[in-house]
Amino acid sequence: MNNPAIQTCGDPALQDALVTLFARYGLRLVAHPAQAPLPGSWWGEPEAGIVGHDVHVRPDTPIHSALHEAGHVICMDAGRRAALHTNAGGDDLEECGVCYLQILLADEIPGVGRDRLMRDMDAWGYSFRLGNTAAWFREDAADARGFLQAHDLIDAADRPRFACRGAASALPASGSDATLAPVE
């Protein structure tokens, strides 16, 4: 789906914020040029792709897609993460955890935030029992929150812990580990 109202990775400031956020998890944002194929894209371009610890985007990739795919890498167990290419796998509960986490992570990106991200998720076509993302997040996501807490991915106040599932500890909030791997 290509909706011009949805925030994309084409804004350099948003891309920089994703680089910094993903680095906190030991992930790397790989930026591809417009119209380039995206390795690891389950849904096909322009949706983000995942290969190992890399999240592949291009300028028309929705921010929600980049956060969602990063959420898969964060939420999966270490064994699946080590062999990851395109298909995140997992069960329905993990998928709900990914959706919940991507909403929380949106608050870490200046100019995005959870409210905007949830509107973009609705515009893209995410489907929840209660009719929209915000209603699901507020009223029907206790299982998703429980999954994230059980795997120590968020704390009791819904704050991300900035560590992948099964990781020994979170990475520093900022520093030299932040990388953007542009692809020419």
Foldseek 3Di string as FASTA:
>chain_A
DQDVVFAWCQDPLQVLLLLLLLLQAVAEEEEEEPPDWAWQALVTPQAWGDDQRYIYHYGRHGLLRSQLVNLLLQEDDPVCSRGDGNDSDDDPLSSLLSNLRSLLVQCSRPPDHNVNSQVSCVVVPDDDPVGGDVCCNPPPSPSSVVSCVVQPQADPVRHGQQYGRPDPHTHDSGDDSRDYHYDD
